[in-house]
Amino acid sequence: MSSRRTAKPIHLAPLVKRPKGVHLGELTATFCQDNDCCDSGKLGQDIKVEIVDGGGGNYALLSSERWAIEPADMQWLAAVVKAMCAEVSQFPPSPRT
């Protein structure tokens, strides 16, 4: 886990004009890693990052049973979440929210 990671840009913006009435409801990514030294599980660890709009604007929802992260890697995770939020903000909000 100590290897440095840099967030690569996520580009979902359409290359062609988006059809009328099409909205992005949510954006979800799941990241996986090996167990840390204190985790007795054998399946590894994963964290789910969701960008959703509950009607008041986009927010990030992170969920995991266990995700060990070193302080140096927290900037990477924050950059990924910010990039996902920025990508979702390019789409108009869903009228259903």
N, C-alpha and C. Protein backbone atom coordinates (compact mmCIF):
# COMPACT_ATOMS: atom_id res chain seq x y z
N MET A 1 0.79 -1.20 0.00
CA MET A 1 0.00 0.00 0.00
C MET A 1 0.84 1.27 0.00
N SER A 2 2.11 1.15 0.20
CA SER A 2 2.93 2.35 0.31
C SER A 2 3.32 2.94 -1.05
N SER A 3 2.99 2.26 -2.13
CA SER A 3 3.34 2.82 -3.44
C SER A 3 2.51 4.07 -3.70
N ARG A 4 3.13 5.05 -4.34
CA ARG A 4 2.46 6.31 -4.65
C ARG A 4 1.52 6.10 -5.83
N ARG A 5 0.34 6.66 -5.74
CA ARG A 5 -0.62 6.59 -6.82
C ARG A 5 -1.02 8.00 -7.20
N THR A 6 -1.27 8.20 -8.45
CA THR A 6 -1.81 9.49 -8.88
C THR A 6 -3.14 9.24 -9.55
N ALA A 7 -4.08 10.11 -9.26
CA ALA A 7 -5.41 9.97 -9.85
C ALA A 7 -5.34 10.34 -11.32
N LYS A 8 -5.73 9.42 -12.16
CA LYS A 8 -5.78 9.69 -13.58
C LYS A 8 -7.15 10.29 -13.89
N PRO A 9 -7.22 11.19 -14.85
CA PRO A 9 -8.51 11.81 -15.16
C PRO A 9 -9.55 10.78 -15.57
N ILE A 10 -10.74 10.99 -15.13
CA ILE A 10 -11.88 10.17 -15.53
C ILE A 10 -12.68 11.02 -16.51
N HIS A 11 -12.90 10.53 -17.70
CA HIS A 11 -13.62 11.32 -18.69
C HIS A 11 -14.88 10.58 -19.13
N LEU A 12 -16.02 11.06 -18.68
CA LEU A 12 -17.28 10.49 -19.09
C LEU A 12 -18.05 11.43 -20.00
N ALA A 13 -17.54 12.65 -20.15
CA ALA A 13 -18.24 13.63 -20.98
C ALA A 13 -18.43 13.05 -22.38
N PRO A 14 -19.63 13.17 -22.90
CA PRO A 14 -19.91 12.55 -24.19
C PRO A 14 -19.11 13.19 -25.33
N LEU A 15 -18.74 12.36 -26.27
CA LEU A 15 -18.03 12.85 -27.46
C LEU A 15 -19.01 13.37 -28.49
N VAL A 16 -20.25 12.98 -28.35
CA VAL A 16 -21.32 13.47 -29.24
C VAL A 16 -22.41 14.06 -28.36
N LYS A 17 -23.32 14.78 -28.95
CA LYS A 17 -24.37 15.43 -28.20
C LYS A 17 -25.24 14.41 -27.47
N ARG A 18 -25.46 14.65 -26.20
CA ARG A 18 -26.26 13.76 -25.37
C ARG A 18 -27.74 13.87 -25.78
N PRO A 19 -28.43 12.76 -25.93
CA PRO A 19 -29.85 12.82 -26.29
C PRO A 19 -30.65 13.58 -25.23
N LYS A 20 -31.64 14.29 -25.67
CA LYS A 20 -32.49 15.07 -24.78
C LYS A 20 -33.15 14.14 -23.75
N GLY A 21 -33.16 14.57 -22.52
CA GLY A 21 -33.80 13.81 -21.46
C GLY A 21 -32.91 12.78 -20.79
N VAL A 22 -31.67 12.62 -21.24
CA VAL A 22 -30.75 11.66 -20.63
C VAL A 22 -29.95 12.37 -19.54
N HIS A 23 -29.98 11.81 -18.33
CA HIS A 23 -29.28 12.37 -17.19
C HIS A 23 -28.41 11.30 -16.56
N LEU A 24 -27.41 11.71 -15.83
CA LEU A 24 -26.56 10.78 -15.10
C LEU A 24 -27.11 10.67 -13.69
N GLY A 25 -27.63 9.50 -13.34
CA GLY A 25 -28.25 9.31 -12.03
C GLY A 25 -27.23 9.17 -10.91
N GLU A 26 -26.16 8.45 -11.17
CA GLU A 26 -25.10 8.29 -10.18
C GLU A 26 -23.87 7.74 -10.88
N LEU A 27 -22.75 7.89 -10.23
CA LEU A 27 -21.48 7.37 -10.73
C LEU A 27 -20.88 6.54 -9.61
N THR A 28 -20.55 5.29 -9.90
CA THR A 28 -20.04 4.39 -8.87
C THR A 28 -18.75 3.74 -9.35
N ALA A 29 -17.78 3.66 -8.46
CA ALA A 29 -16.52 2.95 -8.74
C ALA A 29 -16.17 2.12 -7.51
N THR A 30 -15.66 0.93 -7.75
CA THR A 30 -15.20 0.07 -6.66
C THR A 30 -13.71 -0.18 -6.84
N PHE A 31 -12.94 0.12 -5.80
CA PHE A 31 -11.50 -0.09 -5.81
C PHE A 31 -11.18 -1.27 -4.91
N CYS A 32 -10.22 -2.09 -5.33
CA CYS A 32 -9.85 -3.31 -4.59
C CYS A 32 -8.36 -3.28 -4.28
N GLN A 33 -8.01 -3.90 -3.16
CA GLN A 33 -6.60 -4.02 -2.78
C GLN A 33 -6.41 -5.29 -1.96
N ASP A 34 -5.15 -5.70 -1.81
CA ASP A 34 -4.83 -6.84 -0.95
C ASP A 34 -5.11 -6.50 0.50
N ASN A 35 -5.20 -7.53 1.33
CA ASN A 35 -5.38 -7.32 2.77
C ASN A 35 -4.19 -6.58 3.35
N ASP A 36 -4.45 -5.82 4.41
CA ASP A 36 -3.34 -5.23 5.15
C ASP A 36 -2.87 -6.24 6.19
N CYS A 37 -1.79 -5.94 6.89
CA CYS A 37 -1.19 -6.92 7.81
C CYS A 37 -2.07 -7.24 9.02
N CYS A 38 -3.05 -6.42 9.33
CA CYS A 38 -3.92 -6.66 10.47
C CYS A 38 -5.25 -7.29 10.09
N ASP A 39 -5.44 -7.57 8.83
CA ASP A 39 -6.71 -8.12 8.34
C ASP A 39 -6.56 -9.62 8.17
N SER A 40 -7.38 -10.38 8.86
CA SER A 40 -7.29 -11.83 8.79
C SER A 40 -8.09 -12.43 7.64
N GLY A 41 -8.84 -11.59 6.92
CA GLY A 41 -9.62 -12.08 5.79
C GLY A 41 -8.73 -12.52 4.65
N LYS A 42 -9.30 -13.29 3.73
CA LYS A 42 -8.51 -13.81 2.62
C LYS A 42 -8.98 -13.28 1.27
N LEU A 43 -10.01 -12.44 1.29
CA LEU A 43 -10.59 -12.00 0.03
C LEU A 43 -10.11 -10.62 -0.41
N GLY A 44 -9.28 -9.98 0.35
CA GLY A 44 -8.84 -8.63 0.02
C GLY A 44 -9.84 -7.61 0.54
N GLN A 45 -9.61 -6.37 0.19
CA GLN A 45 -10.44 -5.27 0.66
C GLN A 45 -10.96 -4.48 -0.53
N ASP A 46 -12.14 -3.92 -0.37
CA ASP A 46 -12.65 -3.06 -1.42
C ASP A 46 -13.39 -1.88 -0.80
N ILE A 47 -13.42 -0.80 -1.55
CA ILE A 47 -14.15 0.39 -1.14
C ILE A 47 -14.99 0.84 -2.34
N LYS A 48 -16.23 1.15 -2.05
CA LYS A 48 -17.16 1.61 -3.09
C LYS A 48 -17.32 3.11 -2.94
N VAL A 49 -17.10 3.83 -4.02
CA VAL A 49 -17.25 5.29 -4.04
C VAL A 49 -18.42 5.60 -4.96
N GLU A 50 -19.45 6.24 -4.40
CA GLU A 50 -20.62 6.61 -5.19
C GLU A 50 -20.79 8.12 -5.14
N ILE A 51 -21.07 8.70 -6.28
CA ILE A 51 -21.42 10.11 -6.35
C ILE A 51 -22.91 10.13 -6.70
N VAL A 52 -23.71 10.66 -5.79
CA VAL A 52 -25.15 10.66 -5.97
C VAL A 52 -25.71 12.05 -5.71
N ASP A 53 -26.91 12.27 -6.18
CA ASP A 53 -27.60 13.54 -5.95
C ASP A 53 -28.90 13.23 -5.24
N GLY A 54 -29.01 13.64 -3.99
CA GLY A 54 -30.22 13.40 -3.22
C GLY A 54 -31.22 14.52 -3.36
N GLY A 55 -31.02 15.40 -4.32
CA GLY A 55 -31.93 16.51 -4.54
C GLY A 55 -31.32 17.85 -4.17
N GLY A 56 -30.29 17.83 -3.35
CA GLY A 56 -29.64 19.07 -2.94
C GLY A 56 -28.26 19.25 -3.54
N GLY A 57 -27.95 18.47 -4.55
CA GLY A 57 -26.63 18.53 -5.16
C GLY A 57 -25.87 17.24 -4.95
N ASN A 58 -24.76 17.11 -5.64
CA ASN A 58 -23.96 15.89 -5.57
C ASN A 58 -23.24 15.77 -4.24
N TYR A 59 -23.12 14.53 -3.78
CA TYR A 59 -22.30 14.25 -2.62
C TYR A 59 -21.66 12.87 -2.80
N ALA A 60 -20.59 12.63 -2.07
CA ALA A 60 -19.87 11.37 -2.17
C ALA A 60 -20.28 10.46 -1.02
N LEU A 61 -20.47 9.20 -1.35
CA LEU A 61 -20.80 8.17 -0.38
C LEU A 61 -19.74 7.09 -0.50
N LEU A 62 -18.98 6.88 0.57
CA LEU A 62 -17.94 5.85 0.58
C LEU A 62 -18.40 4.74 1.51
N SER A 63 -18.29 3.49 1.05
CA SER A 63 -18.69 2.37 1.88
C SER A 63 -17.69 1.22 1.73
N SER A 64 -17.40 0.59 2.85
CA SER A 64 -16.46 -0.51 2.87
C SER A 64 -16.60 -1.25 4.18
N GLU A 65 -16.40 -2.56 4.11
CA GLU A 65 -16.34 -3.32 5.35
C GLU A 65 -14.99 -3.04 6.04
N ARG A 66 -13.95 -2.95 5.22
CA ARG A 66 -12.62 -2.60 5.72
C ARG A 66 -11.79 -2.10 4.55
N TRP A 67 -11.16 -0.95 4.73
CA TRP A 67 -10.25 -0.38 3.73
C TRP A 67 -9.13 0.30 4.50
N ALA A 68 -8.00 -0.35 4.58
CA ALA A 68 -6.85 0.24 5.27
C ALA A 68 -6.12 1.16 4.30
N ILE A 69 -5.78 2.34 4.78
CA ILE A 69 -5.13 3.32 3.90
C ILE A 69 -4.06 4.07 4.69
N GLU A 70 -2.93 4.24 4.07
CA GLU A 70 -1.84 4.99 4.69
C GLU A 70 -2.08 6.48 4.48
N PRO A 71 -1.59 7.31 5.37
CA PRO A 71 -1.81 8.76 5.23
C PRO A 71 -1.39 9.31 3.87
N ALA A 72 -0.31 8.82 3.31
CA ALA A 72 0.15 9.33 2.02
C ALA A 72 -0.83 9.01 0.89
N ASP A 73 -1.61 7.95 1.05
CA ASP A 73 -2.55 7.55 0.01
C ASP A 73 -3.91 8.24 0.15
N MET A 74 -4.13 8.95 1.24
CA MET A 74 -5.40 9.65 1.43
C MET A 74 -5.59 10.74 0.39
N GLN A 75 -4.50 11.38 -0.02
CA GLN A 75 -4.59 12.41 -1.06
C GLN A 75 -5.05 11.80 -2.38
N TRP A 76 -4.57 10.59 -2.67
CA TRP A 76 -4.98 9.90 -3.88
C TRP A 76 -6.48 9.64 -3.85
N LEU A 77 -6.99 9.11 -2.75
CA LEU A 77 -8.41 8.80 -2.65
C LEU A 77 -9.24 10.08 -2.74
N ALA A 78 -8.81 11.14 -2.09
CA ALA A 78 -9.53 12.41 -2.16
C ALA A 78 -9.55 12.94 -3.59
N ALA A 79 -8.44 12.81 -4.31
CA ALA A 79 -8.38 13.27 -5.69
C ALA A 79 -9.32 12.47 -6.59
N VAL A 80 -9.43 11.18 -6.34
CA VAL A 80 -10.34 10.34 -7.12
C VAL A 80 -11.78 10.78 -6.88
N VAL A 81 -12.15 11.00 -5.62
CA VAL A 81 -13.51 11.42 -5.29
C VAL A 81 -13.81 12.79 -5.91
N LYS A 82 -12.86 13.71 -5.84
CA LYS A 82 -13.06 15.04 -6.44
C LYS A 82 -13.22 14.94 -7.95
N ALA A 83 -12.43 14.08 -8.59
CA ALA A 83 -12.52 13.91 -10.04
C ALA A 83 -13.88 13.32 -10.43
N MET A 84 -14.36 12.38 -9.64
CA MET A 84 -15.68 11.80 -9.92
C MET A 84 -16.78 12.85 -9.74
N CYS A 85 -16.69 13.66 -8.69
CA CYS A 85 -17.67 14.74 -8.48
C CYS A 85 -17.65 15.73 -9.64
N ALA A 86 -16.47 16.08 -10.10
CA ALA A 86 -16.35 17.03 -11.20
C ALA A 86 -16.96 16.45 -12.47
N GLU A 87 -16.76 15.18 -12.69
CA GLU A 87 -17.32 14.55 -13.89
C GLU A 87 -18.84 14.54 -13.85
N VAL A 88 -19.40 14.19 -12.70
CA VAL A 88 -20.86 14.14 -12.57
C VAL A 88 -21.45 15.54 -12.72
N SER A 89 -20.75 16.56 -12.26
CA SER A 89 -21.30 17.92 -12.32
C SER A 89 -21.42 18.43 -13.75
N GLN A 90 -20.83 17.75 -14.73
CA GLN A 90 -20.96 18.15 -16.14
C GLN A 90 -22.32 17.79 -16.72
N PHE A 91 -23.06 16.95 -16.01
CA PHE A 91 -24.37 16.51 -16.48
C PHE A 91 -25.45 17.27 -15.71
N PRO A 92 -26.57 17.55 -16.34
CA PRO A 92 -27.65 18.21 -15.60
C PRO A 92 -28.22 17.25 -14.55
N PRO A 93 -28.75 17.79 -13.47
CA PRO A 93 -29.32 16.91 -12.45
C PRO A 93 -30.53 16.18 -12.99
N SER A 94 -30.75 15.02 -12.46
CA SER A 94 -31.90 14.22 -12.86
C SER A 94 -33.18 14.86 -12.35
N PRO A 95 -34.21 14.92 -13.17
CA PRO A 95 -35.46 15.49 -12.71
C PRO A 95 -36.15 14.62 -11.67
N ARG A 96 -35.70 13.41 -11.50
CA ARG A 96 -36.31 12.49 -10.53
C ARG A 96 -35.84 12.75 -9.11
N THR A 97 -34.76 13.53 -8.93
CA THR A 97 -34.24 13.75 -7.58
C THR A 97 -34.96 14.91 -6.91
